[in-house]
Amino acid sequence: MDKWLWAARFFKTRSLASRACDLGRIESNGFQAKPAREVRCGDKLIIQNDGGRFEIDVLAVSDMRGPAANAQTLYRETDLSRATRMKVAAERKTTEQFVPRFPGRPTKRDRRRIIQFRGHE
């Protein structure tokens, strides 16, 4: 399982894929998957990673990591899963607009204004 997840580019390293299996973030045909589980064509996987929640059907099996174009031929994501991920991404994008971003350390001019505002000088 961890080799296939790595080869399909759901995780950057095999150790991350193995850890996700151990944490219960991977389901295979309705059961929690272990890293050593065999992946077969036709399996239905639910994968939760930083990119979101993927519901996929396994189309091919590979233990070798190749280009991203080849990795996408190993599985097919369900339409419902794709729509849900896009909806969540759009919601996340709109909420980022309202969160104030920290501009970094204050400049010398900003520090002077802060000191003046506090009334220390």
PDB file of N, CA and C in Angstrom:
ATOM      1  N   MET A   1       0.829  -1.182   0.000  1.00  0.00           N
ATOM      2  CA  MET A   1       0.000   0.000   0.000  1.00  0.00           C
ATOM      3  C   MET A   1       0.880   1.255   0.000  1.00  0.00           C
ATOM      4  N   ASP A   2       1.889   1.288   0.875  1.00  0.00           N
ATOM      5  CA  ASP A   2       2.712   2.495   0.954  1.00  0.00           C
ATOM      6  C   ASP A   2       3.496   2.724  -0.341  1.00  0.00           C
ATOM      7  N   LYS A   3       3.948   1.647  -0.987  1.00  0.00           N
ATOM      8  CA  LYS A   3       4.653   1.793  -2.263  1.00  0.00           C
ATOM      9  C   LYS A   3       3.729   2.347  -3.339  1.00  0.00           C
ATOM     10  N   TRP A   4       2.495   1.850  -3.388  1.00  0.00           N
ATOM     11  CA  TRP A   4       1.553   2.311  -4.408  1.00  0.00           C
ATOM     12  C   TRP A   4       1.188   3.776  -4.171  1.00  0.00           C
ATOM     13  N   LEU A   5       0.937   4.161  -2.923  1.00  0.00           N
ATOM     14  CA  LEU A   5       0.598   5.557  -2.614  1.00  0.00           C
ATOM     15  C   LEU A   5       1.744   6.489  -2.994  1.00  0.00           C
ATOM     16  N   TRP A   6       2.971   6.020  -2.767  1.00  0.00           N
ATOM     17  CA  TRP A   6       4.145   6.799  -3.133  1.00  0.00           C
ATOM     18  C   TRP A   6       4.287   6.871  -4.653  1.00  0.00           C
ATOM     19  N   ALA A   7       4.084   5.729  -5.334  1.00  0.00           N
ATOM     20  CA  ALA A   7       4.207   5.697  -6.795  1.00  0.00           C
ATOM     21  C   ALA A   7       3.117   6.537  -7.461  1.00  0.00           C
ATOM     22  N   ALA A   8       1.926   6.592  -6.858  1.00  0.00           N
ATOM     23  CA  ALA A   8       0.823   7.377  -7.418  1.00  0.00           C
ATOM     24  C   ALA A   8       0.910   8.846  -7.028  1.00  0.00           C
ATOM     25  N   ARG A   9       1.947   9.197  -6.285  1.00  0.00           N
ATOM     26  CA  ARG A   9       2.257  10.572  -5.906  1.00  0.00           C
ATOM     27  C   ARG A   9       1.227  11.214  -4.982  1.00  0.00           C
ATOM     28  N   PHE A  10       0.647  10.420  -4.104  1.00  0.00           N
ATOM     29  CA  PHE A  10      -0.199  10.984  -3.070  1.00  0.00           C
ATOM     30  C   PHE A  10       0.639  11.471  -1.902  1.00  0.00           C
ATOM     31  N   PHE A  11       1.831  10.881  -1.747  1.00  0.00           N
ATOM     32  CA  PHE A  11       2.752  11.266  -0.684  1.00  0.00           C
ATOM     33  C   PHE A  11       4.143  11.413  -1.275  1.00  0.00           C
ATOM     34  N   LYS A  12       4.928  12.311  -0.679  1.00  0.00           N
ATOM     35  CA  LYS A  12       6.247  12.615  -1.201  1.00  0.00           C
ATOM     36  C   LYS A  12       7.250  11.497  -0.930  1.00  0.00           C
ATOM     37  N   THR A  13       7.094  10.815   0.200  1.00  0.00           N
ATOM     38  CA  THR A  13       8.009   9.721   0.539  1.00  0.00           C
ATOM     39  C   THR A  13       7.208   8.501   0.981  1.00  0.00           C
ATOM     40  N   ARG A  14       7.857   7.353   0.935  1.00  0.00           N
ATOM     41  CA  ARG A  14       7.195   6.127   1.402  1.00  0.00           C
ATOM     42  C   ARG A  14       6.960   6.166   2.892  1.00  0.00           C
ATOM     43  N   SER A  15       7.853   6.787   3.625  1.00  0.00           N
ATOM     44  CA  SER A  15       7.675   6.856   5.079  1.00  0.00           C
ATOM     45  C   SER A  15       6.445   7.688   5.430  1.00  0.00           C
ATOM     46  N   LEU A  16       6.157   8.756   4.674  1.00  0.00           N
ATOM     47  CA  LEU A  16       4.936   9.538   4.908  1.00  0.00           C
ATOM     48  C   LEU A  16       3.698   8.709   4.579  1.00  0.00           C
ATOM     49  N   ALA A  17       3.767   7.918   3.522  1.00  0.00           N
ATOM     50  CA  ALA A  17       2.642   7.061   3.145  1.00  0.00           C
ATOM     51  C   ALA A  17       2.414   5.995   4.208  1.00  0.00           C
ATOM     52  N   SER A  18       3.490   5.417   4.705  1.00  0.00           N
ATOM     53  CA  SER A  18       3.386   4.403   5.752  1.00  0.00           C
ATOM     54  C   SER A  18       2.805   5.002   7.025  1.00  0.00           C
ATOM     55  N   ARG A  19       3.238   6.191   7.367  1.00  0.00           N
ATOM     56  CA  ARG A  19       2.728   6.877   8.568  1.00  0.00           C
ATOM     57  C   ARG A  19       1.241   7.177   8.429  1.00  0.00           C
ATOM     58  N   ALA A  20       0.806   7.592   7.247  1.00  0.00           N
ATOM     59  CA  ALA A  20      -0.619   7.857   7.016  1.00  0.00           C
ATOM     60  C   ALA A  20      -1.440   6.586   7.198  1.00  0.00           C
ATOM     61  N   CYS A  21      -0.911   5.459   6.755  1.00  0.00           N
ATOM     62  CA  CYS A  21      -1.601   4.182   6.954  1.00  0.00           C
ATOM     63  C   CYS A  21      -1.707   3.862   8.439  1.00  0.00           C
ATOM     64  N   ASP A  22      -0.616   4.058   9.160  1.00  0.00           N
ATOM     65  CA  ASP A  22      -0.614   3.779  10.596  1.00  0.00           C
ATOM     66  C   ASP A  22      -1.587   4.672  11.357  1.00  0.00           C
ATOM     67  N   LEU A  23      -1.760   5.912  10.898  1.00  0.00           N
ATOM     68  CA  LEU A  23      -2.659   6.854  11.565  1.00  0.00           C
ATOM     69  C   LEU A  23      -4.122   6.671  11.163  1.00  0.00           C
ATOM     70  N   GLY A  24      -4.387   5.754  10.234  1.00  0.00           N
ATOM     71  CA  GLY A  24      -5.765   5.479   9.834  1.00  0.00           C
ATOM     72  C   GLY A  24      -6.317   6.436   8.806  1.00  0.00           C
ATOM     73  N   ARG A  25      -5.464   7.076   8.043  1.00  0.00           N
ATOM     74  CA  ARG A  25      -5.908   8.022   7.027  1.00  0.00           C
ATOM     75  C   ARG A  25      -6.130   7.374   5.666  1.00  0.00           C
ATOM     76  N   ILE A  26      -5.886   6.083   5.581  1.00  0.00           N
ATOM     77  CA  ILE A  26      -6.072   5.349   4.329  1.00  0.00           C
ATOM     78  C   ILE A  26      -7.068   4.218   4.583  1.00  0.00           C
ATOM     79  N   GLU A  27      -8.106   4.170   3.755  1.00  0.00           N
ATOM     80  CA  GLU A  27      -9.079   3.074   3.818  1.00  0.00           C
ATOM     81  C   GLU A  27      -9.080   2.353   2.481  1.00  0.00           C
ATOM     82  N   SER A  28      -9.134   1.036   2.553  1.00  0.00           N
ATOM     83  CA  SER A  28      -9.185   0.223   1.353  1.00  0.00           C
ATOM     84  C   SER A  28     -10.433  -0.657   1.424  1.00  0.00           C
ATOM     85  N   ASN A  29     -11.353  -0.435   0.515  1.00  0.00           N
ATOM     86  CA  ASN A  29     -12.614  -1.186   0.464  1.00  0.00           C
ATOM     87  C   ASN A  29     -13.354  -1.153   1.802  1.00  0.00           C
ATOM     88  N   GLY A  30     -13.321  -0.015   2.474  1.00  0.00           N
ATOM     89  CA  GLY A  30     -14.056   0.151   3.721  1.00  0.00           C
ATOM     90  C   GLY A  30     -13.302  -0.247   4.972  1.00  0.00           C
ATOM     91  N   PHE A  31     -12.082  -0.753   4.850  1.00  0.00           N
ATOM     92  CA  PHE A  31     -11.291  -1.162   6.002  1.00  0.00           C
ATOM     93  C   PHE A  31     -10.037  -0.307   6.090  1.00  0.00           C
ATOM     94  N   GLN A  32      -9.573  -0.093   7.316  1.00  0.00           N
ATOM     95  CA  GLN A  32      -8.339   0.644   7.507  1.00  0.00           C
ATOM     96  C   GLN A  32      -7.187  -0.156   6.912  1.00  0.00           C
ATOM     97  N   ALA A  33      -6.367   0.517   6.105  1.00  0.00           N
ATOM     98  CA  ALA A  33      -5.286  -0.166   5.397  1.00  0.00           C
ATOM     99  C   ALA A  33      -3.983  -0.082   6.182  1.00  0.00           C
ATOM    100  N   LYS A  34      -3.232  -1.173   6.151  1.00  0.00           N
ATOM    101  CA  LYS A  34      -1.900  -1.200   6.740  1.00  0.00           C
ATOM    102  C   LYS A  34      -0.882  -0.976   5.622  1.00  0.00           C
ATOM    103  N   PRO A  35       0.321  -0.510   5.963  1.00  0.00           N
ATOM    104  CA  PRO A  35       1.317  -0.224   4.917  1.00  0.00           C
ATOM    105  C   PRO A  35       1.674  -1.431   4.054  1.00  0.00           C
ATOM    106  N   ALA A  36       1.626  -2.640   4.605  1.00  0.00           N
ATOM    107  CA  ALA A  36       2.032  -3.837   3.852  1.00  0.00           C
ATOM    108  C   ALA A  36       0.902  -4.439   3.035  1.00  0.00           C
ATOM    109  N   ARG A  37      -0.285  -3.879   3.085  1.00  0.00           N
ATOM    110  CA  ARG A  37      -1.435  -4.433   2.358  1.00  0.00           C
ATOM    111  C   ARG A  37      -1.191  -4.368   0.852  1.00  0.00           C
ATOM    112  N   GLU A  38      -1.602  -5.430   0.157  1.00  0.00           N
ATOM    113  CA  GLU A  38      -1.474  -5.475  -1.301  1.00  0.00           C
ATOM    114  C   GLU A  38      -2.577  -4.623  -1.938  1.00  0.00           C
ATOM    115  N   VAL A  39      -2.213  -3.865  -2.952  1.00  0.00           N
ATOM    116  CA  VAL A  39      -3.179  -3.072  -3.718  1.00  0.00           C
ATOM    117  C   VAL A  39      -3.497  -3.842  -4.986  1.00  0.00           C
ATOM    118  N   ARG A  40      -4.775  -3.967  -5.295  1.00  0.00           N
ATOM    119  CA  ARG A  40      -5.198  -4.691  -6.504  1.00  0.00           C
ATOM    120  C   ARG A  40      -6.039  -3.776  -7.379  1.00  0.00           C
ATOM    121  N   CYS A  41      -6.080  -4.063  -8.646  1.00  0.00           N
ATOM    122  CA  CYS A  41      -6.938  -3.310  -9.554  1.00  0.00           C
ATOM    123  C   CYS A  41      -8.387  -3.476  -9.116  1.00  0.00           C
ATOM    124  N   GLY A  42      -9.121  -2.379  -9.120  1.00  0.00           N
ATOM    125  CA  GLY A  42     -10.521  -2.410  -8.719  1.00  0.00           C
ATOM    126  C   GLY A  42     -10.749  -2.047  -7.270  1.00  0.00           C
ATOM    127  N   ASP A  43      -9.691  -1.920  -6.482  1.00  0.00           N
ATOM    128  CA  ASP A  43      -9.849  -1.507  -5.084  1.00  0.00           C
ATOM    129  C   ASP A  43     -10.368  -0.077  -5.026  1.00  0.00           C
ATOM    130  N   LYS A  44     -11.176   0.200  -4.012  1.00  0.00           N
ATOM    131  CA  LYS A  44     -11.657   1.555  -3.765  1.00  0.00           C
ATOM    132  C   LYS A  44     -10.937   2.077  -2.537  1.00  0.00           C
ATOM    133  N   LEU A  45     -10.198   3.169  -2.721  1.00  0.00           N
ATOM    134  CA  LEU A  45      -9.413   3.740  -1.642  1.00  0.00           C
ATOM    135  C   LEU A  45      -9.952   5.103  -1.253  1.00  0.00           C
ATOM    136  N   ILE A  46      -9.873   5.405   0.038  1.00  0.00           N
ATOM    137  CA  ILE A  46     -10.152   6.750   0.548  1.00  0.00           C
ATOM    138  C   ILE A  46      -8.862   7.217   1.194  1.00  0.00           C
ATOM    139  N   ILE A  47      -8.306   8.306   0.663  1.00  0.00           N
ATOM    140  CA  ILE A  47      -7.010   8.811   1.093  1.00  0.00           C
ATOM    141  C   ILE A  47      -7.190  10.223   1.625  1.00  0.00           C
ATOM    142  N   GLN A  48      -6.711  10.448   2.841  1.00  0.00           N
ATOM    143  CA  GLN A  48      -6.747  11.786   3.430  1.00  0.00           C
ATOM    144  C   GLN A  48      -5.318  12.268   3.606  1.00  0.00           C
ATOM    145  N   ASN A  49      -4.989  13.352   2.897  1.00  0.00           N
ATOM    146  CA  ASN A  49      -3.657  13.937   3.041  1.00  0.00           C
ATOM    147  C   ASN A  49      -3.798  15.458   3.021  1.00  0.00           C
ATOM    148  N   ASP A  50      -2.685  16.157   2.883  1.00  0.00           N
ATOM    149  CA  ASP A  50      -2.722  17.618   2.897  1.00  0.00           C
ATOM    150  C   ASP A  50      -3.532  18.185   1.741  1.00  0.00           C
ATOM    151  N   GLY A  51      -3.618  17.456   0.644  1.00  0.00           N
ATOM    152  CA  GLY A  51      -4.362  17.919  -0.526  1.00  0.00           C
ATOM    153  C   GLY A  51      -5.870  17.776  -0.385  1.00  0.00           C
ATOM    154  N   GLY A  52      -6.328  17.067   0.611  1.00  0.00           N
ATOM    155  CA  GLY A  52      -7.756  16.874   0.825  1.00  0.00           C
ATOM    156  C   GLY A  52      -8.099  15.410   0.991  1.00  0.00           C
ATOM    157  N   ARG A  53      -9.367  15.105   0.747  1.00  0.00           N
ATOM    158  CA  ARG A  53      -9.866  13.730   0.881  1.00  0.00           C
ATOM    159  C   ARG A  53     -10.173  13.199  -0.514  1.00  0.00           C
ATOM    160  N   PHE A  54      -9.457  12.161  -0.908  1.00  0.00           N
ATOM    161  CA  PHE A  54      -9.598  11.570  -2.232  1.00  0.00           C
ATOM    162  C   PHE A  54     -10.336  10.248  -2.120  1.00  0.00           C
ATOM    163  N   GLU A  55     -11.335  10.052  -2.963  1.00  0.00           N
ATOM    164  CA  GLU A  55     -11.990   8.756  -3.117  1.00  0.00           C
ATOM    165  C   GLU A  55     -11.651   8.287  -4.522  1.00  0.00           C
ATOM    166  N   ILE A  56     -10.894   7.193  -4.608  1.00  0.00           N
ATOM    167  CA  ILE A  56     -10.387   6.775  -5.915  1.00  0.00           C
ATOM    168  C   ILE A  56     -10.635   5.296  -6.152  1.00  0.00           C
ATOM    169  N   ASP A  57     -10.605   4.926  -7.436  1.00  0.00           N
ATOM    170  CA  ASP A  57     -10.637   3.538  -7.881  1.00  0.00           C
ATOM    171  C   ASP A  57      -9.264   3.228  -8.473  1.00  0.00           C
ATOM    172  N   VAL A  58      -8.671   2.129  -8.053  1.00  0.00           N
ATOM    173  CA  VAL A  58      -7.348   1.739  -8.542  1.00  0.00           C
ATOM    174  C   VAL A  58      -7.507   1.116  -9.929  1.00  0.00           C
ATOM    175  N   LEU A  59      -6.767   1.646 -10.899  1.00  0.00           N
ATOM    176  CA  LEU A  59      -6.821   1.133 -12.274  1.00  0.00           C
ATOM    177  C   LEU A  59      -5.625   0.266 -12.614  1.00  0.00           C
ATOM    178  N   ALA A  60      -4.471   0.572 -12.014  1.00  0.00           N
ATOM    179  CA  ALA A  60      -3.256  -0.183 -12.303  1.00  0.00           C
ATOM    180  C   ALA A  60      -2.378  -0.203 -11.057  1.00  0.00           C
ATOM    181  N   VAL A  61      -1.476  -1.169 -11.013  1.00  0.00           N
ATOM    182  CA  VAL A  61      -0.580  -1.323  -9.869  1.00  0.00           C
ATOM    183  C   VAL A  61       0.845  -1.055 -10.333  1.00  0.00           C
ATOM    184  N   SER A  62       1.568  -0.266  -9.541  1.00  0.00           N
ATOM    185  CA  SER A  62       2.965   0.017  -9.850  1.00  0.00           C
ATOM    186  C   SER A  62       3.725   0.223  -8.550  1.00  0.00           C
ATOM    187  N   ASP A  63       4.961  -0.278  -8.511  1.00  0.00           N
ATOM    188  CA  ASP A  63       5.827  -0.075  -7.359  1.00  0.00           C
ATOM    189  C   ASP A  63       6.907   0.951  -7.644  1.00  0.00           C
ATOM    190  N   MET A  64       6.961   1.428  -8.896  1.00  0.00           N
ATOM    191  CA  MET A  64       7.985   2.388  -9.276  1.00  0.00           C
ATOM    192  C   MET A  64       7.371   3.773  -9.414  1.00  0.00           C
ATOM    193  N   ARG A  65       8.050   4.754  -8.874  1.00  0.00           N
ATOM    194  CA  ARG A  65       7.593   6.131  -8.976  1.00  0.00           C
ATOM    195  C   ARG A  65       8.110   6.708 -10.288  1.00  0.00           C
ATOM    196  N   GLY A  66       7.199   7.240 -11.071  1.00  0.00           N
ATOM    197  CA  GLY A  66       7.574   7.809 -12.354  1.00  0.00           C
ATOM    198  C   GLY A  66       7.051   9.228 -12.474  1.00  0.00           C
ATOM    199  N   PRO A  67       6.956   9.731 -13.689  1.00  0.00           N
ATOM    200  CA  PRO A  67       6.440  11.083 -13.894  1.00  0.00           C
ATOM    201  C   PRO A  67       4.990  11.201 -13.430  1.00  0.00           C
ATOM    202  N   ALA A  68       4.576  12.424 -13.147  1.00  0.00           N
ATOM    203  CA  ALA A  68       3.222  12.672 -12.658  1.00  0.00           C
ATOM    204  C   ALA A  68       2.174  12.225 -13.671  1.00  0.00           C
ATOM    205  N   ALA A  69       2.464  12.371 -14.952  1.00  0.00           N
ATOM    206  CA  ALA A  69       1.512  11.955 -15.983  1.00  0.00           C
ATOM    207  C   ALA A  69       1.264  10.441 -15.906  1.00  0.00           C
ATOM    208  N   ASN A  70       2.307   9.674 -15.654  1.00  0.00           N
ATOM    209  CA  ASN A  70       2.143   8.224 -15.520  1.00  0.00           C
ATOM    210  C   ASN A  70       1.446   7.864 -14.223  1.00  0.00           C
ATOM    211  N   ALA A  71       1.714   8.625 -13.173  1.00  0.00           N
ATOM    212  CA  ALA A  71       1.093   8.349 -11.878  1.00  0.00           C
ATOM    213  C   ALA A  71      -0.422   8.543 -11.937  1.00  0.00           C
ATOM    214  N   GLN A  72      -0.878   9.475 -12.727  1.00  0.00           N
ATOM    215  CA  GLN A  72      -2.322   9.740 -12.824  1.00  0.00           C
ATOM    216  C   GLN A  72      -3.056   8.640 -13.569  1.00  0.00           C
ATOM    217  N   THR A  73      -2.343   7.809 -14.287  1.00  0.00           N
ATOM    218  CA  THR A  73      -2.997   6.698 -14.988  1.00  0.00           C
ATOM    219  C   THR A  73      -3.226   5.498 -14.063  1.00  0.00           C
ATOM    220  N   LEU A  74      -2.677   5.540 -12.855  1.00  0.00           N
ATOM    221  CA  LEU A  74      -2.836   4.433 -11.917  1.00  0.00           C
ATOM    222  C   LEU A  74      -4.195   4.420 -11.224  1.00  0.00           C
ATOM    223  N   TYR A  75      -4.908   5.540 -11.235  1.00  0.00           N
ATOM    224  CA  TYR A  75      -6.172   5.636 -10.496  1.00  0.00           C
ATOM    225  C   TYR A  75      -7.146   6.566 -11.216  1.00  0.00           C
ATOM    226  N   ARG A  76      -8.405   6.498 -10.777  1.00  0.00           N
ATOM    227  CA  ARG A  76      -9.437   7.413 -11.274  1.00  0.00           C
ATOM    228  C   ARG A  76     -10.181   7.942 -10.057  1.00  0.00           C
ATOM    229  N   GLU A  77     -10.227   9.256  -9.912  1.00  0.00           N
ATOM    230  CA  GLU A  77     -10.937   9.871  -8.791  1.00  0.00           C
ATOM    231  C   GLU A  77     -12.417   9.982  -9.126  1.00  0.00           C
ATOM    232  N   THR A  78     -13.269   9.730  -8.140  1.00  0.00           N
ATOM    233  CA  THR A  78     -14.709   9.822  -8.380  1.00  0.00           C
ATOM    234  C   THR A  78     -15.104  11.285  -8.574  1.00  0.00           C
ATOM    235  N   ASP A  79     -16.183  11.491  -9.323  1.00  0.00           N
ATOM    236  CA  ASP A  79     -16.649  12.850  -9.593  1.00  0.00           C
ATOM    237  C   ASP A  79     -17.083  13.554  -8.312  1.00  0.00           C
ATOM    238  N   LEU A  80     -17.732  12.831  -7.413  1.00  0.00           N
ATOM    239  CA  LEU A  80     -18.179  13.410  -6.147  1.00  0.00           C
ATOM    240  C   LEU A  80     -16.983  13.873  -5.323  1.00  0.00           C
ATOM    241  N   SER A  81     -15.938  13.071  -5.270  1.00  0.00           N
ATOM    242  CA  SER A  81     -14.729  13.424  -4.528  1.00  0.00           C
ATOM    243  C   SER A  81     -14.089  14.677  -5.110  1.00  0.00           C
ATOM    244  N   ARG A  82     -13.979  14.739  -6.426  1.00  0.00           N
ATOM    245  CA  ARG A  82     -13.372  15.898  -7.083  1.00  0.00           C
ATOM    246  C   ARG A  82     -14.177  17.164  -6.809  1.00  0.00           C
ATOM    247  N   ALA A  83     -15.503  17.062  -6.896  1.00  0.00           N
ATOM    248  CA  ALA A  83     -16.356  18.226  -6.647  1.00  0.00           C
ATOM    249  C   ALA A  83     -16.237  18.696  -5.196  1.00  0.00           C
ATOM    250  N   THR A  84     -16.200  17.764  -4.277  1.00  0.00           N
ATOM    251  CA  THR A  84     -16.075  18.115  -2.859  1.00  0.00           C
ATOM    252  C   THR A  84     -14.742  18.797  -2.581  1.00  0.00           C
ATOM    253  N   ARG A  85     -13.659  18.265  -3.147  1.00  0.00           N
ATOM    254  CA  ARG A  85     -12.345  18.881  -2.942  1.00  0.00           C
ATOM    255  C   ARG A  85     -12.285  20.290  -3.510  1.00  0.00           C
ATOM    256  N   MET A  86     -12.881  20.492  -4.686  1.00  0.00           N
ATOM    257  CA  MET A  86     -12.888  21.823  -5.299  1.00  0.00           C
ATOM    258  C   MET A  86     -13.701  22.809  -4.461  1.00  0.00           C
ATOM    259  N   LYS A  87     -14.794  22.330  -3.899  1.00  0.00           N
ATOM    260  CA  LYS A  87     -15.632  23.184  -3.052  1.00  0.00           C
ATOM    261  C   LYS A  87     -14.875  23.603  -1.793  1.00  0.00           C
ATOM    262  N   VAL A  88     -14.206  22.652  -1.156  1.00  0.00           N
ATOM    263  CA  VAL A  88     -13.427  22.945   0.050  1.00  0.00           C
ATOM    264  C   VAL A  88     -12.288  23.903  -0.277  1.00  0.00           C
ATOM    265  N   ALA A  89     -11.628  23.716  -1.415  1.00  0.00           N
ATOM    266  CA  ALA A  89     -10.529  24.597  -1.819  1.00  0.00           C
ATOM    267  C   ALA A  89     -11.035  26.016  -2.054  1.00  0.00           C
ATOM    268  N   ALA A  90     -12.212  26.151  -2.678  1.00  0.00           N
ATOM    269  CA  ALA A  90     -12.780  27.480  -2.920  1.00  0.00           C
ATOM    270  C   ALA A  90     -13.140  28.161  -1.600  1.00  0.00           C
ATOM    271  N   GLU A  91     -13.704  27.398  -0.660  1.00  0.00           N
ATOM    272  CA  GLU A  91     -14.036  27.965   0.652  1.00  0.00           C
ATOM    273  C   GLU A  91     -12.777  28.415   1.381  1.00  0.00           C
ATOM    274  N   ARG A  92     -11.734  27.600   1.321  1.00  0.00           N
ATOM    275  CA  ARG A  92     -10.475  27.950   1.980  1.00  0.00           C
ATOM    276  C   ARG A  92      -9.880  29.209   1.372  1.00  0.00           C
ATOM    277  N   LYS A  93     -10.008  29.347   0.053  1.00  0.00           N
ATOM    278  CA  LYS A  93      -9.452  30.505  -0.628  1.00  0.00           C
ATOM    279  C   LYS A  93     -10.185  31.784  -0.231  1.00  0.00           C
ATOM    280  N   THR A  94     -11.504  31.708  -0.086  1.00  0.00           N
ATOM    281  CA  THR A  94     -12.264  32.902   0.293  1.00  0.00           C
ATOM    282  C   THR A  94     -12.001  33.297   1.742  1.00  0.00           C
ATOM    283  N   THR A  95     -11.784  32.339   2.633  1.00  0.00           N
ATOM    284  CA  THR A  95     -11.518  32.689   4.025  1.00  0.00           C
ATOM    285  C   THR A  95     -10.128  33.278   4.202  1.00  0.00           C
ATOM    286  N   GLU A  96      -9.194  32.958   3.323  1.00  0.00           N
ATOM    287  CA  GLU A  96      -7.847  33.526   3.409  1.00  0.00           C
ATOM    288  C   GLU A  96      -7.861  35.021   3.183  1.00  0.00           C
ATOM    289  N   GLN A  97      -8.839  35.533   2.449  1.00  0.00           N
ATOM    290  CA  GLN A  97      -8.916  36.964   2.167  1.00  0.00           C
ATOM    291  C   GLN A  97      -9.201  37.760   3.433  1.00  0.00           C
ATOM    292  N   PHE A  98      -9.896  37.160   4.392  1.00  0.00           N
ATOM    293  CA  PHE A  98     -10.295  37.882   5.583  1.00  0.00           C
ATOM    294  C   PHE A  98      -9.334  37.714   6.751  1.00  0.00           C
ATOM    295  N   VAL A  99      -8.368  36.849   6.611  1.00  0.00           N
ATOM    296  CA  VAL A  99      -7.389  36.637   7.668  1.00  0.00           C
ATOM    297  C   VAL A  99      -6.254  37.628   7.472  1.00  0.00           C
ATOM    298  N   PRO A 100      -5.986  38.474   8.482  1.00  0.00           N
ATOM    299  CA  PRO A 100      -4.873  39.424   8.312  1.00  0.00           C
ATOM    300  C   PRO A 100      -3.548  38.687   8.274  1.00  0.00           C
ATOM    301  N   ARG A 101      -2.725  39.067   7.373  1.00  0.00           N
ATOM    302  CA  ARG A 101      -1.421  38.435   7.232  1.00  0.00           C
ATOM    303  C   ARG A 101      -0.378  39.225   8.019  1.00  0.00           C
ATOM    304  N   PHE A 102       0.499  38.506   8.654  1.00  0.00           N
ATOM    305  CA  PHE A 102       1.568  39.145   9.400  1.00  0.00           C
ATOM    306  C   PHE A 102       2.617  39.605   8.406  1.00  0.00           C
ATOM    307  N   PRO A 103       2.892  40.918   8.357  1.00  0.00           N
ATOM    308  CA  PRO A 103       3.816  41.426   7.344  1.00  0.00           C
ATOM    309  C   PRO A 103       5.279  41.131   7.636  1.00  0.00           C
ATOM    310  N   GLY A 104       5.591  40.641   8.818  1.00  0.00           N
ATOM    311  CA  GLY A 104       6.975  40.366   9.162  1.00  0.00           C
ATOM    312  C   GLY A 104       7.415  41.264  10.311  1.00  0.00           C
ATOM    313  N   ARG A 105       8.683  41.382  10.476  1.00  0.00           N
ATOM    314  CA  ARG A 105       9.198  42.206  11.565  1.00  0.00           C
ATOM    315  C   ARG A 105       8.935  43.670  11.275  1.00  0.00           C
ATOM    316  N   PRO A 106       8.692  44.452  12.334  1.00  0.00           N
ATOM    317  CA  PRO A 106       8.494  45.886  12.103  1.00  0.00           C
ATOM    318  C   PRO A 106       9.797  46.548  11.639  1.00  0.00           C
ATOM    319  N   THR A 107       9.637  47.537  10.794  1.00  0.00           N
ATOM    320  CA  THR A 107      10.803  48.285  10.339  1.00  0.00           C
ATOM    321  C   THR A 107      11.197  49.276  11.428  1.00  0.00           C
ATOM    322  N   LYS A 108      12.298  49.957  11.206  1.00  0.00           N
ATOM    323  CA  LYS A 108      12.752  50.944  12.182  1.00  0.00           C
ATOM    324  C   LYS A 108      11.706  52.045  12.348  1.00  0.00           C
ATOM    325  N   ARG A 109      11.111  52.421  11.238  1.00  0.00           N
ATOM    326  CA  ARG A 109      10.069  53.454  11.274  1.00  0.00           C
ATOM    327  C   ARG A 109       8.847  52.964  12.056  1.00  0.00           C
ATOM    328  N   ASP A 110       8.464  51.694  11.849  1.00  0.00           N
ATOM    329  CA  ASP A 110       7.335  51.120  12.584  1.00  0.00           C
ATOM    330  C   ASP A 110       7.629  51.071  14.082  1.00  0.00           C
ATOM    331  N   ARG A 111       8.848  50.692  14.444  1.00  0.00           N
ATOM    332  CA  ARG A 111       9.209  50.636  15.864  1.00  0.00           C
ATOM    333  C   ARG A 111       9.121  52.011  16.502  1.00  0.00           C
ATOM    334  N   ARG A 112       9.580  53.022  15.804  1.00  0.00           N
ATOM    335  CA  ARG A 112       9.487  54.387  16.335  1.00  0.00           C
ATOM    336  C   ARG A 112       8.035  54.785  16.563  1.00  0.00           C
ATOM    337  N   ARG A 113       7.160  54.432  15.638  1.00  0.00           N
ATOM    338  CA  ARG A 113       5.732  54.754  15.792  1.00  0.00           C
ATOM    339  C   ARG A 113       5.117  53.990  16.962  1.00  0.00           C
ATOM    340  N   ILE A 114       5.520  52.738  17.147  1.00  0.00           N
ATOM    341  CA  ILE A 114       5.010  51.943  18.270  1.00  0.00           C
ATOM    342  C   ILE A 114       5.452  52.559  19.590  1.00  0.00           C
ATOM    343  N   ILE A 115       6.720  52.931  19.679  1.00  0.00           N
ATOM    344  CA  ILE A 115       7.232  53.550  20.903  1.00  0.00           C
ATOM    345  C   ILE A 115       6.511  54.870  21.173  1.00  0.00           C
ATOM    346  N   GLN A 116       6.307  55.660  20.123  1.00  0.00           N
ATOM    347  CA  GLN A 116       5.612  56.939  20.269  1.00  0.00           C
ATOM    348  C   GLN A 116       4.161  56.719  20.700  1.00  0.00           C
ATOM    349  N   PHE A 117       3.510  55.723  20.146  1.00  0.00           N
ATOM    350  CA  PHE A 117       2.121  55.423  20.496  1.00  0.00           C
ATOM    351  C   PHE A 117       1.989  54.999  21.944  1.00  0.00           C
ATOM    352  N   ARG A 118       2.934  54.221  22.417  1.00  0.00           N
ATOM    353  CA  ARG A 118       2.901  53.757  23.808  1.00  0.00           C
ATOM    354  C   ARG A 118       3.247  54.870  24.788  1.00  0.00           C
ATOM    355  N   GLY A 119       3.837  55.939  24.289  1.00  0.00           N
ATOM    356  CA  GLY A 119       4.136  57.075  25.146  1.00  0.00           C
ATOM    357  C   GLY A 119       5.411  56.952  25.932  1.00  0.00           C
ATOM    358  N   HIS A 120       6.349  56.157  25.448  1.00  0.00           N
ATOM    359  CA  HIS A 120       7.605  56.000  26.162  1.00  0.00           C
ATOM    360  C   HIS A 120       8.559  57.150  25.904  1.00  0.00           C
ATOM    361  N   GLU A 121       8.359  57.871  24.852  1.00  0.00           N
ATOM    362  CA  GLU A 121       9.264  58.989  24.561  1.00  0.00           C
ATOM    363  C   GLU A 121       8.489  60.274  24.478  1.00  0.00           C
TER     364      GLU A 121
END
